[in-house]
């Protein structure tokens, strides 16, 4: 069983220190992990070097169909971030991730 591709990432809600994402997939029944980074946020200043790094931020949702909602928290207000999301099957098979 191969994990699905992330086809798009959209921001659906923001507040001062968090953002809620809708992640579209080629199919569902997987976990979706996302991470954010910015050179202006000392806690998240390094671009993730692997999907394990993305997973280590601990921000994830479950897609029962072709989309999942993931909240990224602990962000610095008025800071621009890059976001990356990827998928993991219930049997822990990971696939590529998409940068925005």
N, C-alpha and C. Protein backbone atom coordinates (compact mmCIF):
# COMPACT_ATOMS: atom_id res chain seq x y z
N UNK A 1 0.84 -1.18 0.00
CA UNK A 1 0.00 0.00 0.00
C UNK A 1 0.88 1.24 0.00
N UNK A 2 0.73 2.09 -0.97
CA UNK A 2 1.54 3.30 -1.11
C UNK A 2 0.76 4.50 -0.59
N UNK A 3 1.45 5.36 0.14
CA UNK A 3 0.82 6.58 0.65
C UNK A 3 0.46 7.51 -0.50
N UNK A 4 -0.65 8.24 -0.39
CA UNK A 4 -1.08 9.13 -1.48
C UNK A 4 -0.23 10.39 -1.58
N UNK A 5 -0.31 11.02 -2.72
CA UNK A 5 0.36 12.30 -2.95
C UNK A 5 -0.44 13.44 -2.33
N UNK A 6 0.26 14.44 -1.84
CA UNK A 6 -0.36 15.71 -1.46
C UNK A 6 -0.52 16.49 -2.76
N UNK A 7 -1.76 16.89 -3.06
CA UNK A 7 -2.01 17.62 -4.31
C UNK A 7 -2.11 19.12 -4.12
N UNK A 8 -2.52 19.58 -2.93
CA UNK A 8 -2.54 21.01 -2.65
C UNK A 8 -2.65 21.26 -1.16
N UNK A 9 -2.21 22.46 -0.76
CA UNK A 9 -2.30 22.91 0.63
C UNK A 9 -2.93 24.30 0.61
N UNK A 10 -4.02 24.48 1.36
CA UNK A 10 -4.70 25.77 1.42
C UNK A 10 -4.84 26.22 2.87
N UNK A 11 -4.67 27.50 3.11
CA UNK A 11 -4.91 28.08 4.43
C UNK A 11 -6.41 28.34 4.55
N UNK A 12 -7.03 27.79 5.59
CA UNK A 12 -8.47 28.00 5.76
C UNK A 12 -8.80 28.90 6.95
N UNK A 13 -7.83 29.07 7.88
CA UNK A 13 -8.06 29.96 9.02
C UNK A 13 -6.72 30.32 9.65
N UNK A 14 -6.62 31.54 10.13
CA UNK A 14 -5.41 31.96 10.84
C UNK A 14 -5.79 32.76 12.07
N UNK A 15 -4.90 32.78 13.03
CA UNK A 15 -4.97 33.74 14.12
C UNK A 15 -3.54 34.17 14.42
N UNK A 16 -3.30 34.83 15.51
CA UNK A 16 -1.97 35.42 15.75
C UNK A 16 -0.84 34.41 15.76
N UNK A 17 -1.06 33.22 16.30
CA UNK A 17 0.04 32.27 16.45
C UNK A 17 -0.24 30.89 15.86
N UNK A 18 -1.27 30.76 15.04
CA UNK A 18 -1.56 29.46 14.44
C UNK A 18 -2.21 29.63 13.07
N UNK A 19 -2.18 28.54 12.32
CA UNK A 19 -2.82 28.50 11.01
C UNK A 19 -3.45 27.13 10.84
N UNK A 20 -4.64 27.11 10.26
CA UNK A 20 -5.33 25.85 9.99
C UNK A 20 -5.27 25.62 8.48
N UNK A 21 -4.81 24.43 8.10
CA UNK A 21 -4.61 24.08 6.71
C UNK A 21 -5.61 23.03 6.26
N UNK A 22 -6.01 23.10 4.99
CA UNK A 22 -6.72 22.00 4.35
C UNK A 22 -5.75 21.40 3.34
N UNK A 23 -5.46 20.12 3.51
CA UNK A 23 -4.51 19.42 2.66
C UNK A 23 -5.28 18.45 1.78
N UNK A 24 -5.17 18.64 0.47
CA UNK A 24 -5.85 17.77 -0.50
C UNK A 24 -4.90 16.64 -0.91
N UNK A 25 -5.49 15.45 -1.06
CA UNK A 25 -4.70 14.25 -1.35
C UNK A 25 -5.25 13.52 -2.57
N UNK A 26 -4.45 12.63 -3.14
CA UNK A 26 -4.91 11.83 -4.27
C UNK A 26 -5.91 10.76 -3.81
N UNK A 27 -5.86 10.33 -2.54
CA UNK A 27 -6.88 9.49 -1.91
C UNK A 27 -6.66 9.53 -0.40
N UNK A 28 -7.57 8.95 0.36
CA UNK A 28 -7.54 9.11 1.81
C UNK A 28 -7.08 7.91 2.60
N UNK A 29 -7.50 7.87 3.84
CA UNK A 29 -7.16 6.84 4.82
C UNK A 29 -5.68 6.89 5.22
N UNK A 30 -5.17 8.10 5.46
CA UNK A 30 -3.78 8.28 5.85
C UNK A 30 -3.64 9.40 6.87
N UNK A 31 -2.49 9.43 7.52
CA UNK A 31 -2.12 10.55 8.38
C UNK A 31 -1.40 11.59 7.53
N UNK A 32 -1.69 12.86 7.79
CA UNK A 32 -1.05 13.97 7.08
C UNK A 32 -0.27 14.78 8.11
N UNK A 33 1.04 14.89 7.90
CA UNK A 33 1.91 15.67 8.78
C UNK A 33 2.32 16.94 8.06
N UNK A 34 2.34 18.05 8.79
CA UNK A 34 2.78 19.33 8.22
C UNK A 34 3.77 20.00 9.17
N UNK A 35 4.61 20.83 8.59
CA UNK A 35 5.57 21.60 9.37
C UNK A 35 5.70 22.98 8.74
N UNK A 36 6.10 23.94 9.56
CA UNK A 36 6.33 25.31 9.10
C UNK A 36 7.73 25.73 9.50
N UNK A 37 8.35 26.57 8.66
CA UNK A 37 9.64 27.13 9.02
C UNK A 37 9.80 28.52 8.44
N UNK A 38 10.65 29.30 9.10
CA UNK A 38 10.93 30.67 8.68
C UNK A 38 12.29 31.08 9.22
N UNK A 39 13.08 31.81 8.44
CA UNK A 39 14.36 32.29 8.97
C UNK A 39 14.19 33.30 10.10
N UNK A 40 12.96 33.80 10.29
CA UNK A 40 12.68 34.80 11.32
C UNK A 40 12.12 34.21 12.60
N UNK A 41 11.99 32.88 12.66
CA UNK A 41 11.48 32.20 13.85
C UNK A 41 12.58 31.28 14.35
N UNK A 42 13.23 31.63 15.45
CA UNK A 42 14.38 30.86 15.92
C UNK A 42 14.03 29.42 16.24
N UNK A 43 12.80 29.15 16.64
CA UNK A 43 12.40 27.77 16.95
C UNK A 43 12.18 26.94 15.70
N UNK A 44 11.93 27.60 14.56
CA UNK A 44 11.65 26.89 13.31
C UNK A 44 12.42 27.53 12.15
N UNK A 45 13.69 27.76 12.33
CA UNK A 45 14.46 28.50 11.33
C UNK A 45 15.10 27.61 10.26
N UNK A 46 15.12 26.30 10.46
CA UNK A 46 15.80 25.40 9.53
C UNK A 46 14.79 24.68 8.65
N UNK A 47 15.05 24.67 7.35
CA UNK A 47 14.22 23.92 6.41
C UNK A 47 14.29 22.44 6.77
N UNK A 48 13.14 21.75 6.86
CA UNK A 48 13.19 20.32 7.19
C UNK A 48 14.05 19.56 6.18
N UNK A 49 14.97 18.75 6.67
CA UNK A 49 15.88 18.01 5.81
C UNK A 49 15.35 16.62 5.45
N UNK A 50 14.29 16.20 6.14
CA UNK A 50 13.70 14.89 5.87
C UNK A 50 12.26 14.89 6.34
N UNK A 51 11.52 13.88 5.91
CA UNK A 51 10.14 13.78 6.36
C UNK A 51 10.08 13.49 7.86
N UNK A 52 11.09 12.82 8.40
CA UNK A 52 11.15 12.57 9.84
C UNK A 52 11.19 13.89 10.61
N UNK A 53 11.87 14.89 10.05
CA UNK A 53 11.91 16.22 10.67
C UNK A 53 10.53 16.86 10.65
N UNK A 54 9.81 16.70 9.54
CA UNK A 54 8.43 17.21 9.46
C UNK A 54 7.58 16.54 10.53
N UNK A 55 7.67 15.23 10.64
CA UNK A 55 6.88 14.50 11.62
C UNK A 55 7.23 14.90 13.05
N UNK A 56 8.49 15.27 13.28
CA UNK A 56 8.92 15.61 14.64
C UNK A 56 8.25 16.86 15.18
N UNK A 57 7.73 17.75 14.31
CA UNK A 57 7.00 18.93 14.80
C UNK A 57 5.66 18.52 15.41
N UNK A 58 5.18 17.31 15.11
CA UNK A 58 3.99 16.77 15.75
C UNK A 58 2.66 17.37 15.33
N UNK A 59 2.61 18.02 14.18
CA UNK A 59 1.37 18.62 13.70
C UNK A 59 0.78 17.72 12.61
N UNK A 60 -0.35 17.06 12.92
CA UNK A 60 -0.89 16.12 11.96
C UNK A 60 -2.41 16.04 12.04
N UNK A 61 -3.00 15.46 11.01
CA UNK A 61 -4.42 15.19 10.96
C UNK A 61 -4.62 13.86 10.26
N UNK A 62 -5.84 13.37 10.26
CA UNK A 62 -6.15 12.11 9.58
C UNK A 62 -7.11 12.40 8.44
N UNK A 63 -6.81 11.86 7.27
CA UNK A 63 -7.66 12.02 6.10
C UNK A 63 -8.46 10.75 5.90
N UNK A 64 -9.77 10.81 6.16
CA UNK A 64 -10.62 9.66 5.91
C UNK A 64 -11.08 9.64 4.46
N UNK A 65 -10.97 10.79 3.79
CA UNK A 65 -11.27 10.88 2.36
C UNK A 65 -10.10 11.59 1.69
N UNK A 66 -10.33 12.42 0.72
CA UNK A 66 -9.23 13.06 -0.01
C UNK A 66 -8.76 14.38 0.60
N UNK A 67 -9.12 14.68 1.84
CA UNK A 67 -8.61 15.90 2.46
C UNK A 67 -8.47 15.72 3.97
N UNK A 68 -7.59 16.52 4.53
CA UNK A 68 -7.37 16.52 5.98
C UNK A 68 -7.17 17.95 6.43
N UNK A 69 -7.52 18.21 7.68
CA UNK A 69 -7.28 19.51 8.29
C UNK A 69 -6.14 19.34 9.29
N UNK A 70 -5.16 20.24 9.19
CA UNK A 70 -4.00 20.20 10.09
C UNK A 70 -3.80 21.61 10.65
N UNK A 71 -3.64 21.71 11.96
CA UNK A 71 -3.37 23.00 12.60
C UNK A 71 -1.90 23.09 12.97
N UNK A 72 -1.27 24.20 12.58
CA UNK A 72 0.10 24.50 12.97
C UNK A 72 0.04 25.57 14.05
N UNK A 73 0.59 25.28 15.21
CA UNK A 73 0.51 26.19 16.35
C UNK A 73 1.90 26.64 16.78
N UNK A 74 1.93 27.63 17.67
CA UNK A 74 3.18 28.11 18.21
C UNK A 74 3.97 28.97 17.24
N UNK A 75 3.29 29.59 16.29
CA UNK A 75 3.96 30.43 15.29
C UNK A 75 4.17 31.84 15.84
N UNK A 76 5.09 32.57 15.24
CA UNK A 76 5.38 33.94 15.66
C UNK A 76 4.49 34.89 14.86
N UNK A 77 3.78 35.81 15.53
CA UNK A 77 2.90 36.74 14.80
C UNK A 77 3.67 37.55 13.75
N UNK A 78 2.98 37.90 12.67
CA UNK A 78 3.50 38.75 11.60
C UNK A 78 4.78 38.20 10.96
N UNK A 79 4.88 36.88 10.88
CA UNK A 79 6.04 36.21 10.29
C UNK A 79 5.58 35.37 9.11
N UNK A 80 6.32 35.42 8.02
CA UNK A 80 6.02 34.60 6.85
C UNK A 80 6.68 33.24 7.00
N UNK A 81 5.92 32.19 6.76
CA UNK A 81 6.41 30.81 6.87
C UNK A 81 6.29 30.08 5.55
N UNK A 82 7.16 29.11 5.35
CA UNK A 82 6.98 28.10 4.31
C UNK A 82 6.39 26.88 5.00
N UNK A 83 5.56 26.15 4.27
CA UNK A 83 4.87 25.00 4.84
C UNK A 83 5.15 23.77 3.99
N UNK A 84 5.33 22.66 4.65
CA UNK A 84 5.51 21.39 3.96
C UNK A 84 4.56 20.37 4.60
N UNK A 85 3.94 19.53 3.78
CA UNK A 85 3.07 18.47 4.28
C UNK A 85 3.38 17.17 3.55
N UNK A 86 3.18 16.08 4.22
CA UNK A 86 3.38 14.76 3.63
C UNK A 86 2.45 13.76 4.26
N UNK A 87 2.41 12.57 3.70
CA UNK A 87 1.46 11.55 4.14
C UNK A 87 2.16 10.30 4.65
N UNK A 88 1.48 9.61 5.56
CA UNK A 88 1.95 8.34 6.11
C UNK A 88 0.73 7.44 6.21
N UNK A 89 0.83 6.23 5.67
CA UNK A 89 -0.28 5.29 5.77
C UNK A 89 -0.41 4.77 7.20
N UNK A 90 -1.50 4.11 7.47
CA UNK A 90 -1.70 3.52 8.79
C UNK A 90 -0.69 2.43 9.07
N UNK A 91 -0.03 1.91 8.04
CA UNK A 91 1.02 0.90 8.21
C UNK A 91 2.40 1.54 8.15
N UNK A 92 2.48 2.86 8.33
CA UNK A 92 3.72 3.63 8.44
C UNK A 92 4.53 3.69 7.15
N UNK A 93 3.86 3.67 5.99
CA UNK A 93 4.55 3.89 4.71
C UNK A 93 4.45 5.37 4.38
N UNK A 94 5.59 6.03 4.23
CA UNK A 94 5.61 7.47 3.95
C UNK A 94 5.79 7.71 2.46
N UNK A 95 5.31 8.86 2.00
CA UNK A 95 5.48 9.26 0.61
C UNK A 95 6.01 10.68 0.54
N UNK A 96 6.17 11.14 -0.65
CA UNK A 96 6.71 12.48 -0.89
C UNK A 96 5.87 13.54 -0.20
N UNK A 97 6.47 14.72 -0.09
CA UNK A 97 5.75 15.83 0.50
C UNK A 97 5.77 17.03 -0.41
N UNK A 98 4.87 17.95 -0.15
CA UNK A 98 4.67 19.12 -0.99
C UNK A 98 5.03 20.37 -0.22
N UNK A 99 5.85 21.22 -0.82
CA UNK A 99 6.22 22.51 -0.23
C UNK A 99 5.30 23.60 -0.75
N UNK A 100 5.00 24.57 0.08
CA UNK A 100 4.25 25.76 -0.39
C UNK A 100 5.03 26.99 -0.06
